[in-house]
Amino acid sequence: MNERFQRISHKGKIVSYFDYRGLSSLNEAEFIKTIEAATEYFFKWGNNQVTLVDLREAYTNSNIINVWREAAKKSAPMISKSAILGISGAKAILVRGVNLFTKLDIRPFDTKEAALDWLVE
């Protein structure tokens, strides 16, 4: 199992956690490969997932955003609730775009604990 993709327990419920921290568009191929691997793990875990995507200190470009958007669209029917870390300011436009494209309601949070609490409520 890749350490970047985990099923974590929070208050007795399981959350699918995808950790992209520190990835950068300076190594676009690695970032895209990580998104593709995450998508494979995601589909192995089944339906009705609650997901937490961690983009703190991750730097993207338009190619990475497009790959992530496509992966989110494929995954959307299997997601019951989703949160994201590391999104503020101008990056919030990315989340709004993905929400429109996928029909998800991905919520941005500042802390992992706040995101996990919201996901399991």
C-alpha atoms as a PDB file:
ATOM      1  CA  MET A   1       0.000   0.000   0.000  1.00  0.00           C
ATOM      2  CA  ASN A   2       1.200   3.501  -0.781  1.00  0.00           C
ATOM      3  CA  GLU A   3       1.697   5.598   2.362  1.00  0.00           C
ATOM      4  CA  ARG A   4      -0.025   8.521   0.642  1.00  0.00           C
ATOM      5  CA  PHE A   5      -3.362   6.668   0.520  1.00  0.00           C
ATOM      6  CA  GLN A   6      -4.845   5.389   3.752  1.00  0.00           C
ATOM      7  CA  ARG A   7      -8.093   4.387   5.339  1.00  0.00           C
ATOM      8  CA  ILE A   8      -8.131   6.080   8.717  1.00  0.00           C
ATOM      9  CA  SER A   9     -10.548   5.711  11.596  1.00  0.00           C
ATOM     10  CA  HIS A  10     -11.988   8.834  13.205  1.00  0.00           C
ATOM     11  CA  LYS A  11     -14.629   8.597  15.926  1.00  0.00           C
ATOM     12  CA  GLY A  12     -15.400   5.056  14.844  1.00  0.00           C
ATOM     13  CA  LYS A  13     -15.913   5.867  11.152  1.00  0.00           C
ATOM     14  CA  ILE A  14     -13.608   5.200   8.202  1.00  0.00           C
ATOM     15  CA  VAL A  15     -12.243   8.049   6.072  1.00  0.00           C
ATOM     16  CA  SER A  16     -10.292   7.590   2.841  1.00  0.00           C
ATOM     17  CA  TYR A  17      -7.265   9.896   3.153  1.00  0.00           C
ATOM     18  CA  PHE A  18      -5.267  11.044   0.120  1.00  0.00           C
ATOM     19  CA  ASP A  19      -2.034  12.831   1.005  1.00  0.00           C
ATOM     20  CA  TYR A  20      -0.536  15.029  -1.725  1.00  0.00           C
ATOM     21  CA  ARG A  21       1.463  17.205   0.690  1.00  0.00           C
ATOM     22  CA  GLY A  22       4.721  18.470  -0.723  1.00  0.00           C
ATOM     23  CA  LEU A  23       4.085  17.411  -4.311  1.00  0.00           C
ATOM     24  CA  SER A  24       4.896  20.038  -6.901  1.00  0.00           C
ATOM     25  CA  SER A  25       4.346  20.894 -10.537  1.00  0.00           C
ATOM     26  CA  LEU A  26       8.153  21.053 -10.701  1.00  0.00           C
ATOM     27  CA  ASN A  27       7.873  17.263 -10.872  1.00  0.00           C
ATOM     28  CA  GLU A  28       4.626  17.069 -12.816  1.00  0.00           C
ATOM     29  CA  ALA A  29       5.079  13.414 -13.817  1.00  0.00           C
ATOM     30  CA  GLU A  30       5.367  12.309 -10.163  1.00  0.00           C
ATOM     31  CA  PHE A  31       2.306  14.364  -9.170  1.00  0.00           C
ATOM     32  CA  ILE A  32       0.197  12.897 -11.995  1.00  0.00           C
ATOM     33  CA  LYS A  33       1.434   9.367 -11.251  1.00  0.00           C
ATOM     34  CA  THR A  34       0.388   9.860  -7.612  1.00  0.00           C
ATOM     35  CA  ILE A  35      -3.112  11.008  -8.650  1.00  0.00           C
ATOM     36  CA  GLU A  36      -3.476   7.980 -10.919  1.00  0.00           C
ATOM     37  CA  ALA A  37      -2.307   5.602  -8.168  1.00  0.00           C
ATOM     38  CA  ALA A  38      -4.712   7.245  -5.696  1.00  0.00           C
ATOM     39  CA  THR A  39      -7.578   6.685  -8.116  1.00  0.00           C
ATOM     40  CA  GLU A  40      -6.715   2.968  -8.333  1.00  0.00           C
ATOM     41  CA  TYR A  41      -6.743   2.657  -4.529  1.00  0.00           C
ATOM     42  CA  PHE A  42      -9.964   4.616  -4.337  1.00  0.00           C
ATOM     43  CA  PHE A  43     -11.842   2.176  -6.575  1.00  0.00           C
ATOM     44  CA  LYS A  44     -10.591  -0.808  -4.567  1.00  0.00           C
ATOM     45  CA  TRP A  45     -12.178   0.655  -1.429  1.00  0.00           C
ATOM     46  CA  GLY A  46     -15.779   0.632  -2.711  1.00  0.00           C
ATOM     47  CA  ASN A  47     -18.837   2.890  -2.588  1.00  0.00           C
ATOM     48  CA  ASN A  48     -20.104   5.525  -0.150  1.00  0.00           C
ATOM     49  CA  GLN A  49     -16.677   6.765   0.814  1.00  0.00           C
ATOM     50  CA  VAL A  50     -15.985   9.860   2.815  1.00  0.00           C
ATOM     51  CA  THR A  51     -12.749  11.349   1.557  1.00  0.00           C
ATOM     52  CA  LEU A  52     -10.132  13.784   2.780  1.00  0.00           C
ATOM     53  CA  VAL A  53      -7.701  15.214   0.224  1.00  0.00           C
ATOM     54  CA  ASP A  54      -4.629  16.910   1.678  1.00  0.00           C
ATOM     55  CA  LEU A  55      -3.058  19.486  -0.640  1.00  0.00           C
ATOM     56  CA  ARG A  56      -1.142  21.431   1.991  1.00  0.00           C
ATOM     57  CA  GLU A  57       2.153  22.660   0.542  1.00  0.00           C
ATOM     58  CA  ALA A  58       1.320  21.081  -2.829  1.00  0.00           C
ATOM     59  CA  TYR A  59       1.820  23.159  -5.964  1.00  0.00           C
ATOM     60  CA  THR A  60      -0.133  22.421  -9.116  1.00  0.00           C
ATOM     61  CA  ASN A  61      -0.387  23.598 -12.685  1.00  0.00           C
ATOM     62  CA  SER A  62      -3.146  23.361 -15.291  1.00  0.00           C
ATOM     63  CA  ASN A  63      -2.148  19.842 -16.439  1.00  0.00           C
ATOM     64  CA  ILE A  64      -2.232  18.505 -12.871  1.00  0.00           C
ATOM     65  CA  ILE A  65      -5.553  20.219 -12.209  1.00  0.00           C
ATOM     66  CA  ASN A  66      -7.054  18.645 -15.333  1.00  0.00           C
ATOM     67  CA  VAL A  67      -5.862  15.153 -14.326  1.00  0.00           C
ATOM     68  CA  TRP A  68      -7.195  15.651 -10.789  1.00  0.00           C
ATOM     69  CA  ARG A  69     -10.530  16.954 -12.121  1.00  0.00           C
ATOM     70  CA  GLU A  70     -10.961  13.899 -14.372  1.00  0.00           C
ATOM     71  CA  ALA A  71     -10.086  11.547 -11.507  1.00  0.00           C
ATOM     72  CA  ALA A  72     -12.610  13.338  -9.272  1.00  0.00           C
ATOM     73  CA  LYS A  73     -15.301  13.072 -11.930  1.00  0.00           C
ATOM     74  CA  LYS A  74     -14.775   9.290 -12.245  1.00  0.00           C
ATOM     75  CA  SER A  75     -14.800   8.904  -8.461  1.00  0.00           C
ATOM     76  CA  ALA A  76     -17.735  11.212  -7.705  1.00  0.00           C
ATOM     77  CA  PRO A  77     -20.495   8.566  -7.785  1.00  0.00           C
ATOM     78  CA  MET A  78     -18.683   6.636  -5.055  1.00  0.00           C
ATOM     79  CA  ILE A  79     -18.235   9.602  -2.685  1.00  0.00           C
ATOM     80  CA  SER A  80     -20.786  10.443  -0.036  1.00  0.00           C
ATOM     81  CA  LYS A  81     -18.854  13.341   1.532  1.00  0.00           C
ATOM     82  CA  SER A  82     -15.523  15.031   0.793  1.00  0.00           C
ATOM     83  CA  ALA A  83     -13.220  17.583   2.401  1.00  0.00           C
ATOM     84  CA  ILE A  84      -9.963  19.162   1.326  1.00  0.00           C
ATOM     85  CA  LEU A  85      -7.002  20.710   3.156  1.00  0.00           C
ATOM     86  CA  GLY A  86      -4.567  23.322   1.874  1.00  0.00           C
ATOM     87  CA  ILE A  87      -7.003  25.358  -0.182  1.00  0.00           C
ATOM     88  CA  SER A  88      -7.394  29.063   0.457  1.00  0.00           C
ATOM     89  CA  GLY A  89      -7.406  32.282  -1.468  1.00  0.00           C
ATOM     90  CA  ALA A  90      -7.015  31.857  -5.208  1.00  0.00           C
ATOM     91  CA  LYS A  91      -6.811  28.062  -4.869  1.00  0.00           C
ATOM     92  CA  ALA A  92     -10.450  28.062  -3.778  1.00  0.00           C
ATOM     93  CA  ILE A  93     -11.345  28.618  -7.447  1.00  0.00           C
ATOM     94  CA  LEU A  94      -9.975  25.113  -8.102  1.00  0.00           C
ATOM     95  CA  VAL A  95     -12.381  23.580  -5.598  1.00  0.00           C
ATOM     96  CA  ARG A  96     -15.359  25.501  -6.966  1.00  0.00           C
ATOM     97  CA  GLY A  97     -14.464  24.297 -10.468  1.00  0.00           C
ATOM     98  CA  VAL A  98     -14.157  20.677  -9.368  1.00  0.00           C
ATOM     99  CA  ASN A  99     -17.463  20.957  -7.473  1.00  0.00           C
ATOM    100  CA  LEU A 100     -19.217  22.235 -10.609  1.00  0.00           C
ATOM    101  CA  PHE A 101     -17.565  19.635 -12.826  1.00  0.00           C
ATOM    102  CA  THR A 102     -18.257  16.658 -10.539  1.00  0.00           C
ATOM    103  CA  LYS A 103     -21.464  17.780  -8.780  1.00  0.00           C
ATOM    104  CA  LEU A 104     -19.708  17.148  -5.455  1.00  0.00           C
ATOM    105  CA  ASP A 105     -19.728  19.470  -2.464  1.00  0.00           C
ATOM    106  CA  ILE A 106     -16.058  19.351  -1.482  1.00  0.00           C
ATOM    107  CA  ARG A 107     -15.541  21.504   1.597  1.00  0.00           C
ATOM    108  CA  PRO A 108     -12.230  23.242   2.328  1.00  0.00           C
ATOM    109  CA  PHE A 109     -10.835  23.161   5.884  1.00  0.00           C
ATOM    110  CA  ASP A 110      -7.802  24.661   7.587  1.00  0.00           C
ATOM    111  CA  THR A 111      -7.051  21.708   9.881  1.00  0.00           C
ATOM    112  CA  LYS A 112      -7.156  17.957   9.477  1.00  0.00           C
ATOM    113  CA  GLU A 113      -9.057  17.552  12.758  1.00  0.00           C
ATOM    114  CA  ALA A 114     -11.823  19.982  11.703  1.00  0.00           C
ATOM    115  CA  ALA A 115     -12.154  18.234   8.349  1.00  0.00           C
ATOM    116  CA  LEU A 116     -12.347  14.781   9.949  1.00  0.00           C
ATOM    117  CA  ASP A 117     -14.941  15.978  12.477  1.00  0.00           C
ATOM    118  CA  TRP A 118     -17.136  17.361   9.662  1.00  0.00           C
ATOM    119  CA  LEU A 119     -16.732  14.222   7.554  1.00  0.00           C
ATOM    120  CA  VAL A 120     -17.965  11.885  10.277  1.00  0.00           C
ATOM    121  CA  GLU A 121     -20.802  14.027  11.676  1.00  0.00           C
END
